[in-house]
Amino acid sequence: MARPPVCKLMDYGKFKYESAQKARESRRNQTLTVIKEMKLRPKIDPHDYETKKGHVVRFLKAGDKVKVTIMFRGREQSRPELGFRLLQRLAEDVSELGFVESSPKQDGRNMVMVMAPHKSPTKLTRVPAVGQEA
């Protein structure tokens, strides 16, 4: 009857089982961050830009981070401001879905920017039509 108890007898099998259940529960609540990459060129056609932007939007809606890379070749390397403006334009276009996690940085022949989705993604719910069940 000592306070606090000096020794506690327990079922070791039950203890192992409960600790395994706690570990499984914590693994289930983890989220795996996925980084998708989108590669662009500084002289990109407007339609191609819209297509690539659509892919970035899809990735951000899915909750993935997006690494946007602009590849410079030849004389394009002497005009990094073109790539910087393109990345800023992309960030403005998808600002309602995500934010710029790391600002554009020149990395050799490439310029890299990372975008992440907002913390609370907006879930679209389907509204049933009259006479239908959800």
N, C-alpha and C. Protein backbone atom coordinates (compact mmCIF):
# COMPACT_ATOMS: atom_id res chain seq x y z
N MET A 1 0.81 -1.20 0.00
CA MET A 1 0.00 0.00 0.00
C MET A 1 0.86 1.27 0.00
N ALA A 2 2.04 1.18 -0.53
CA ALA A 2 2.92 2.34 -0.56
C ALA A 2 2.41 3.36 -1.57
N ARG A 3 2.66 4.61 -1.29
CA ARG A 3 2.29 5.71 -2.20
C ARG A 3 3.54 6.43 -2.61
N PRO A 4 3.94 6.53 -3.85
CA PRO A 4 3.41 5.86 -5.03
C PRO A 4 3.74 4.37 -5.02
N PRO A 5 3.02 3.55 -5.79
CA PRO A 5 3.27 2.10 -5.75
C PRO A 5 4.70 1.79 -6.20
N VAL A 6 5.30 0.84 -5.53
CA VAL A 6 6.69 0.49 -5.80
C VAL A 6 6.78 -0.44 -7.00
N CYS A 7 5.84 -1.33 -7.14
CA CYS A 7 5.91 -2.33 -8.20
C CYS A 7 4.51 -2.52 -8.78
N LYS A 8 4.46 -2.79 -10.07
CA LYS A 8 3.17 -3.01 -10.71
C LYS A 8 3.27 -4.28 -11.54
N LEU A 9 2.38 -5.21 -11.29
CA LEU A 9 2.32 -6.44 -12.07
C LEU A 9 1.39 -6.22 -13.25
N MET A 10 1.87 -6.62 -14.43
CA MET A 10 1.05 -6.40 -15.62
C MET A 10 1.22 -7.54 -16.60
N ASP A 11 0.26 -7.62 -17.52
CA ASP A 11 0.29 -8.62 -18.58
C ASP A 11 1.14 -8.06 -19.72
N TYR A 12 2.30 -8.66 -19.96
CA TYR A 12 3.23 -8.13 -20.95
C TYR A 12 2.66 -8.22 -22.37
N GLY A 13 1.92 -9.26 -22.68
CA GLY A 13 1.29 -9.40 -24.00
C GLY A 13 0.30 -8.28 -24.25
N LYS A 14 -0.49 -7.96 -23.23
CA LYS A 14 -1.46 -6.87 -23.37
C LYS A 14 -0.75 -5.54 -23.55
N PHE A 15 0.35 -5.33 -22.83
CA PHE A 15 1.13 -4.10 -22.95
C PHE A 15 1.70 -3.95 -24.36
N LYS A 16 2.26 -5.04 -24.92
CA LYS A 16 2.81 -5.00 -26.28
C LYS A 16 1.71 -4.70 -27.31
N TYR A 17 0.54 -5.33 -27.13
CA TYR A 17 -0.57 -5.12 -28.04
C TYR A 17 -1.03 -3.67 -28.03
N GLU A 18 -1.19 -3.09 -26.84
CA GLU A 18 -1.66 -1.70 -26.73
C GLU A 18 -0.64 -0.72 -27.31
N SER A 19 0.66 -0.98 -27.10
CA SER A 19 1.67 -0.08 -27.67
C SER A 19 1.69 -0.18 -29.19
N ALA A 20 1.45 -1.39 -29.74
CA ALA A 20 1.37 -1.54 -31.19
C ALA A 20 0.16 -0.80 -31.74
N GLN A 21 -0.96 -0.83 -31.02
CA GLN A 21 -2.16 -0.12 -31.46
C GLN A 21 -1.93 1.39 -31.48
N LYS A 22 -1.23 1.91 -30.45
CA LYS A 22 -0.93 3.34 -30.41
C LYS A 22 -0.02 3.73 -31.57
N ALA A 23 0.97 2.91 -31.88
CA ALA A 23 1.88 3.20 -32.98
C ALA A 23 1.13 3.19 -34.32
N ARG A 24 0.22 2.24 -34.50
CA ARG A 24 -0.55 2.16 -35.73
C ARG A 24 -1.46 3.38 -35.88
N GLU A 25 -2.06 3.82 -34.78
CA GLU A 25 -2.93 4.99 -34.81
C GLU A 25 -2.15 6.25 -35.17
N SER A 26 -0.95 6.40 -34.64
CA SER A 26 -0.16 7.59 -34.95
C SER A 26 0.31 7.58 -36.41
N ARG A 27 0.59 6.38 -36.95
CA ARG A 27 0.98 6.29 -38.36
C ARG A 27 -0.19 6.66 -39.27
N ARG A 28 -1.40 6.32 -38.87
CA ARG A 28 -2.57 6.60 -39.68
C ARG A 28 -2.82 8.10 -39.78
N ASN A 29 -2.51 8.83 -38.72
CA ASN A 29 -2.77 10.27 -38.71
C ASN A 29 -1.68 11.08 -39.39
N GLN A 30 -0.57 10.46 -39.79
CA GLN A 30 0.49 11.19 -40.46
C GLN A 30 0.10 11.47 -41.91
N THR A 31 0.61 12.58 -42.43
CA THR A 31 0.40 12.88 -43.84
C THR A 31 1.76 12.92 -44.52
N LEU A 32 1.82 12.34 -45.70
CA LEU A 32 3.05 12.29 -46.47
C LEU A 32 3.07 13.47 -47.43
N THR A 33 4.11 14.32 -47.32
CA THR A 33 4.19 15.46 -48.22
C THR A 33 4.82 15.02 -49.52
N VAL A 34 4.14 15.36 -50.60
CA VAL A 34 4.60 15.00 -51.94
C VAL A 34 4.96 16.29 -52.66
N ILE A 35 6.12 16.29 -53.32
CA ILE A 35 6.53 17.46 -54.09
C ILE A 35 6.46 17.09 -55.57
N LYS A 36 5.60 17.80 -56.29
CA LYS A 36 5.48 17.62 -57.73
C LYS A 36 6.34 18.69 -58.39
N GLU A 37 6.87 18.39 -59.58
CA GLU A 37 7.71 19.36 -60.26
C GLU A 37 7.10 19.74 -61.61
N MET A 38 7.15 21.04 -61.92
CA MET A 38 6.69 21.54 -63.20
C MET A 38 7.84 22.32 -63.82
N LYS A 39 8.23 21.95 -65.04
CA LYS A 39 9.35 22.59 -65.72
C LYS A 39 8.83 23.51 -66.81
N LEU A 40 9.38 24.72 -66.85
CA LEU A 40 9.00 25.72 -67.83
C LEU A 40 10.24 26.26 -68.52
N ARG A 41 10.03 26.98 -69.62
CA ARG A 41 11.10 27.72 -70.30
C ARG A 41 10.72 29.19 -70.29
N PRO A 42 11.69 30.11 -70.36
CA PRO A 42 11.34 31.54 -70.32
C PRO A 42 10.48 31.98 -71.50
N LYS A 43 10.72 31.46 -72.70
CA LYS A 43 9.93 31.85 -73.87
C LYS A 43 8.83 30.80 -74.08
N ILE A 44 7.80 30.87 -73.26
CA ILE A 44 6.73 29.88 -73.33
C ILE A 44 5.52 30.50 -74.03
N ASP A 45 4.87 29.71 -74.86
CA ASP A 45 3.68 30.14 -75.59
C ASP A 45 2.52 30.33 -74.59
N PRO A 46 1.62 31.28 -74.82
CA PRO A 46 0.51 31.49 -73.88
C PRO A 46 -0.34 30.23 -73.63
N HIS A 47 -0.62 29.46 -74.66
CA HIS A 47 -1.42 28.25 -74.46
C HIS A 47 -0.67 27.22 -73.63
N ASP A 48 0.64 27.09 -73.89
CA ASP A 48 1.45 26.15 -73.10
C ASP A 48 1.51 26.58 -71.64
N TYR A 49 1.59 27.91 -71.42
CA TYR A 49 1.60 28.43 -70.05
C TYR A 49 0.30 28.06 -69.35
N GLU A 50 -0.82 28.24 -70.03
CA GLU A 50 -2.11 27.91 -69.42
C GLU A 50 -2.21 26.42 -69.08
N THR A 51 -1.67 25.57 -69.96
CA THR A 51 -1.68 24.13 -69.70
C THR A 51 -0.86 23.79 -68.47
N LYS A 52 0.35 24.37 -68.38
CA LYS A 52 1.22 24.11 -67.23
C LYS A 52 0.59 24.66 -65.95
N LYS A 53 -0.04 25.83 -66.06
CA LYS A 53 -0.71 26.43 -64.90
C LYS A 53 -1.84 25.52 -64.43
N GLY A 54 -2.56 24.90 -65.38
CA GLY A 54 -3.63 23.97 -65.01
C GLY A 54 -3.10 22.78 -64.24
N HIS A 55 -1.92 22.28 -64.63
CA HIS A 55 -1.31 21.18 -63.89
C HIS A 55 -0.94 21.62 -62.47
N VAL A 56 -0.39 22.82 -62.33
CA VAL A 56 -0.02 23.34 -61.00
C VAL A 56 -1.27 23.47 -60.14
N VAL A 57 -2.36 23.96 -60.73
CA VAL A 57 -3.62 24.11 -60.00
C VAL A 57 -4.11 22.74 -59.52
N ARG A 58 -4.03 21.74 -60.40
CA ARG A 58 -4.46 20.38 -60.04
C ARG A 58 -3.63 19.83 -58.89
N PHE A 59 -2.31 20.04 -58.93
CA PHE A 59 -1.44 19.55 -57.86
C PHE A 59 -1.76 20.23 -56.54
N LEU A 60 -1.96 21.56 -56.56
CA LEU A 60 -2.26 22.28 -55.33
C LEU A 60 -3.61 21.88 -54.76
N LYS A 61 -4.59 21.63 -55.62
CA LYS A 61 -5.91 21.20 -55.14
C LYS A 61 -5.82 19.83 -54.49
N ALA A 62 -4.90 18.99 -54.99
CA ALA A 62 -4.72 17.66 -54.39
C ALA A 62 -3.96 17.73 -53.07
N GLY A 63 -3.43 18.91 -52.72
CA GLY A 63 -2.72 19.06 -51.45
C GLY A 63 -1.23 18.81 -51.55
N ASP A 64 -0.68 18.78 -52.76
CA ASP A 64 0.75 18.54 -52.94
C ASP A 64 1.50 19.86 -53.10
N LYS A 65 2.77 19.85 -52.71
CA LYS A 65 3.63 20.99 -52.97
C LYS A 65 4.09 20.92 -54.42
N VAL A 66 4.39 22.09 -55.00
CA VAL A 66 4.81 22.15 -56.40
C VAL A 66 6.13 22.90 -56.48
N LYS A 67 7.10 22.25 -57.12
CA LYS A 67 8.39 22.88 -57.38
C LYS A 67 8.39 23.31 -58.84
N VAL A 68 8.41 24.62 -59.08
CA VAL A 68 8.37 25.16 -60.44
C VAL A 68 9.80 25.50 -60.84
N THR A 69 10.27 24.91 -61.92
CA THR A 69 11.63 25.10 -62.40
C THR A 69 11.60 25.75 -63.77
N ILE A 70 12.37 26.81 -63.92
CA ILE A 70 12.52 27.43 -65.24
C ILE A 70 13.93 27.11 -65.71
N MET A 71 14.02 26.50 -66.89
CA MET A 71 15.31 26.09 -67.43
C MET A 71 15.78 27.13 -68.45
N PHE A 72 16.97 27.65 -68.25
CA PHE A 72 17.56 28.62 -69.17
C PHE A 72 18.57 27.90 -70.06
N ARG A 73 18.55 28.21 -71.36
CA ARG A 73 19.51 27.61 -72.29
C ARG A 73 20.12 28.72 -73.14
N GLY A 74 21.40 28.61 -73.38
CA GLY A 74 22.09 29.54 -74.28
C GLY A 74 22.02 30.97 -73.80
N ARG A 75 21.56 31.85 -74.68
CA ARG A 75 21.52 33.28 -74.37
C ARG A 75 20.44 33.62 -73.35
N GLU A 76 19.52 32.71 -73.08
CA GLU A 76 18.49 32.97 -72.08
C GLU A 76 19.10 33.18 -70.70
N GLN A 77 20.29 32.63 -70.46
CA GLN A 77 20.91 32.75 -69.15
C GLN A 77 21.28 34.19 -68.82
N SER A 78 21.45 35.03 -69.85
CA SER A 78 21.79 36.42 -69.59
C SER A 78 20.56 37.26 -69.24
N ARG A 79 19.35 36.68 -69.29
CA ARG A 79 18.12 37.41 -68.99
C ARG A 79 17.31 36.68 -67.91
N PRO A 80 17.85 36.55 -66.67
CA PRO A 80 17.11 35.83 -65.63
C PRO A 80 15.83 36.56 -65.19
N GLU A 81 15.74 37.88 -65.48
CA GLU A 81 14.54 38.60 -65.07
C GLU A 81 13.29 38.10 -65.80
N LEU A 82 13.47 37.52 -67.00
CA LEU A 82 12.32 36.95 -67.72
C LEU A 82 11.74 35.77 -66.92
N GLY A 83 12.61 34.91 -66.44
CA GLY A 83 12.15 33.78 -65.63
C GLY A 83 11.54 34.22 -64.33
N PHE A 84 12.14 35.26 -63.71
CA PHE A 84 11.62 35.76 -62.45
C PHE A 84 10.21 36.31 -62.63
N ARG A 85 9.99 37.07 -63.71
CA ARG A 85 8.66 37.62 -63.99
C ARG A 85 7.65 36.51 -64.26
N LEU A 86 8.08 35.46 -64.96
CA LEU A 86 7.18 34.34 -65.26
C LEU A 86 6.76 33.63 -63.98
N LEU A 87 7.70 33.43 -63.06
CA LEU A 87 7.37 32.79 -61.79
C LEU A 87 6.45 33.67 -60.96
N GLN A 88 6.67 34.97 -60.97
CA GLN A 88 5.78 35.87 -60.22
C GLN A 88 4.37 35.84 -60.80
N ARG A 89 4.28 35.80 -62.12
CA ARG A 89 2.97 35.74 -62.78
C ARG A 89 2.23 34.45 -62.41
N LEU A 90 2.95 33.34 -62.40
CA LEU A 90 2.35 32.06 -62.02
C LEU A 90 1.89 32.09 -60.57
N ALA A 91 2.70 32.67 -59.69
CA ALA A 91 2.33 32.75 -58.27
C ALA A 91 1.06 33.60 -58.09
N GLU A 92 0.94 34.69 -58.86
CA GLU A 92 -0.27 35.52 -58.77
C GLU A 92 -1.49 34.76 -59.28
N ASP A 93 -1.31 34.01 -60.36
CA ASP A 93 -2.44 33.31 -60.98
C ASP A 93 -3.01 32.22 -60.08
N VAL A 94 -2.18 31.58 -59.27
CA VAL A 94 -2.66 30.49 -58.41
C VAL A 94 -2.64 30.87 -56.93
N SER A 95 -2.67 32.19 -56.64
CA SER A 95 -2.56 32.64 -55.25
C SER A 95 -3.74 32.22 -54.39
N GLU A 96 -4.92 31.97 -55.00
CA GLU A 96 -6.07 31.56 -54.19
C GLU A 96 -5.94 30.12 -53.73
N LEU A 97 -5.12 29.32 -54.39
CA LEU A 97 -4.96 27.91 -54.02
C LEU A 97 -3.72 27.65 -53.18
N GLY A 98 -2.66 28.43 -53.39
CA GLY A 98 -1.41 28.17 -52.67
C GLY A 98 -0.61 29.43 -52.49
N PHE A 99 0.49 29.30 -51.76
CA PHE A 99 1.37 30.43 -51.50
C PHE A 99 2.80 30.03 -51.83
N VAL A 100 3.65 31.02 -51.99
CA VAL A 100 5.05 30.78 -52.33
C VAL A 100 5.79 30.41 -51.05
N GLU A 101 6.25 29.17 -50.99
CA GLU A 101 6.97 28.72 -49.80
C GLU A 101 8.43 29.17 -49.84
N SER A 102 9.08 29.03 -50.99
CA SER A 102 10.43 29.57 -51.15
C SER A 102 10.46 30.41 -52.41
N SER A 103 10.95 31.62 -52.28
CA SER A 103 10.93 32.57 -53.39
C SER A 103 11.88 32.11 -54.50
N PRO A 104 11.72 32.65 -55.71
CA PRO A 104 12.56 32.22 -56.84
C PRO A 104 14.05 32.43 -56.58
N LYS A 105 14.83 31.39 -56.82
CA LYS A 105 16.27 31.44 -56.64
C LYS A 105 16.95 30.90 -57.89
N GLN A 106 18.01 31.57 -58.30
CA GLN A 106 18.79 31.10 -59.44
C GLN A 106 19.70 29.98 -58.96
N ASP A 107 19.68 28.85 -59.67
CA ASP A 107 20.48 27.68 -59.30
C ASP A 107 21.17 27.18 -60.56
N GLY A 108 22.31 27.79 -60.89
CA GLY A 108 23.00 27.41 -62.11
C GLY A 108 22.20 27.83 -63.32
N ARG A 109 21.82 26.87 -64.18
CA ARG A 109 21.03 27.18 -65.37
C ARG A 109 19.53 27.20 -65.08
N ASN A 110 19.14 26.93 -63.86
CA ASN A 110 17.72 26.85 -63.51
C ASN A 110 17.34 27.91 -62.49
N MET A 111 16.07 28.27 -62.50
CA MET A 111 15.50 29.12 -61.45
C MET A 111 14.38 28.32 -60.82
N VAL A 112 14.39 28.23 -59.48
CA VAL A 112 13.49 27.33 -58.78
C VAL A 112 12.63 28.11 -57.78
N MET A 113 11.33 27.76 -57.72
CA MET A 113 10.41 28.31 -56.74
C MET A 113 9.53 27.17 -56.24
N VAL A 114 9.24 27.15 -54.94
CA VAL A 114 8.39 26.11 -54.36
C VAL A 114 7.10 26.75 -53.88
N MET A 115 5.98 26.15 -54.28
CA MET A 115 4.66 26.60 -53.84
C MET A 115 4.01 25.51 -53.00
N ALA A 116 3.26 25.92 -51.99
CA ALA A 116 2.58 24.97 -51.12
C ALA A 116 1.10 25.34 -51.06
N PRO A 117 0.22 24.35 -50.87
CA PRO A 117 -1.21 24.66 -50.76
C PRO A 117 -1.49 25.35 -49.42
N HIS A 118 -2.60 26.09 -49.37
CA HIS A 118 -3.01 26.72 -48.12
C HIS A 118 -3.33 25.63 -47.10
N LYS A 119 -3.26 25.98 -45.82
CA LYS A 119 -3.42 24.99 -44.75
C LYS A 119 -4.78 24.31 -44.77
N SER A 120 -5.84 25.08 -44.98
CA SER A 120 -7.18 24.50 -44.98
C SER A 120 -7.70 24.46 -46.41
N PRO A 121 -7.54 23.31 -47.10
CA PRO A 121 -8.04 23.23 -48.47
C PRO A 121 -9.56 23.28 -48.47
N THR A 122 -10.10 23.99 -49.44
CA THR A 122 -11.55 24.10 -49.53
C THR A 122 -12.09 22.84 -50.18
N LYS A 123 -12.92 22.15 -49.44
CA LYS A 123 -13.52 20.91 -49.94
C LYS A 123 -14.79 21.26 -50.69
N LEU A 124 -14.89 20.80 -51.93
CA LEU A 124 -16.09 21.02 -52.71
C LEU A 124 -17.08 19.91 -52.40
N THR A 125 -18.27 20.30 -52.00
CA THR A 125 -19.29 19.30 -51.69
C THR A 125 -20.33 19.33 -52.79
N ARG A 126 -20.79 18.14 -53.15
CA ARG A 126 -21.78 18.02 -54.20
C ARG A 126 -23.16 18.20 -53.59
N VAL A 127 -23.92 19.11 -54.16
CA VAL A 127 -25.28 19.34 -53.69
C VAL A 127 -26.21 18.47 -54.52
N PRO A 128 -26.98 17.59 -53.87
CA PRO A 128 -27.86 16.71 -54.65
C PRO A 128 -29.01 17.48 -55.27
N ALA A 129 -29.44 17.01 -56.44
CA ALA A 129 -30.59 17.61 -57.10
C ALA A 129 -31.86 17.20 -56.39
N VAL A 130 -32.95 17.86 -56.73
CA VAL A 130 -34.22 17.57 -56.07
C VAL A 130 -34.63 16.14 -56.35
N GLY A 131 -34.95 15.40 -55.31
CA GLY A 131 -35.39 14.02 -55.49
C GLY A 131 -34.25 13.01 -55.46
N GLN A 132 -32.99 13.46 -55.32
CA GLN A 132 -31.84 12.53 -55.26
C GLN A 132 -31.27 12.55 -53.85
N GLU A 133 -30.61 11.43 -53.53
CA GLU A 133 -29.93 11.35 -52.24
C GLU A 133 -28.48 11.75 -52.41
N ALA A 134 -27.88 12.23 -51.33
CA ALA A 134 -26.49 12.67 -51.38
C ALA A 134 -25.54 11.50 -51.48
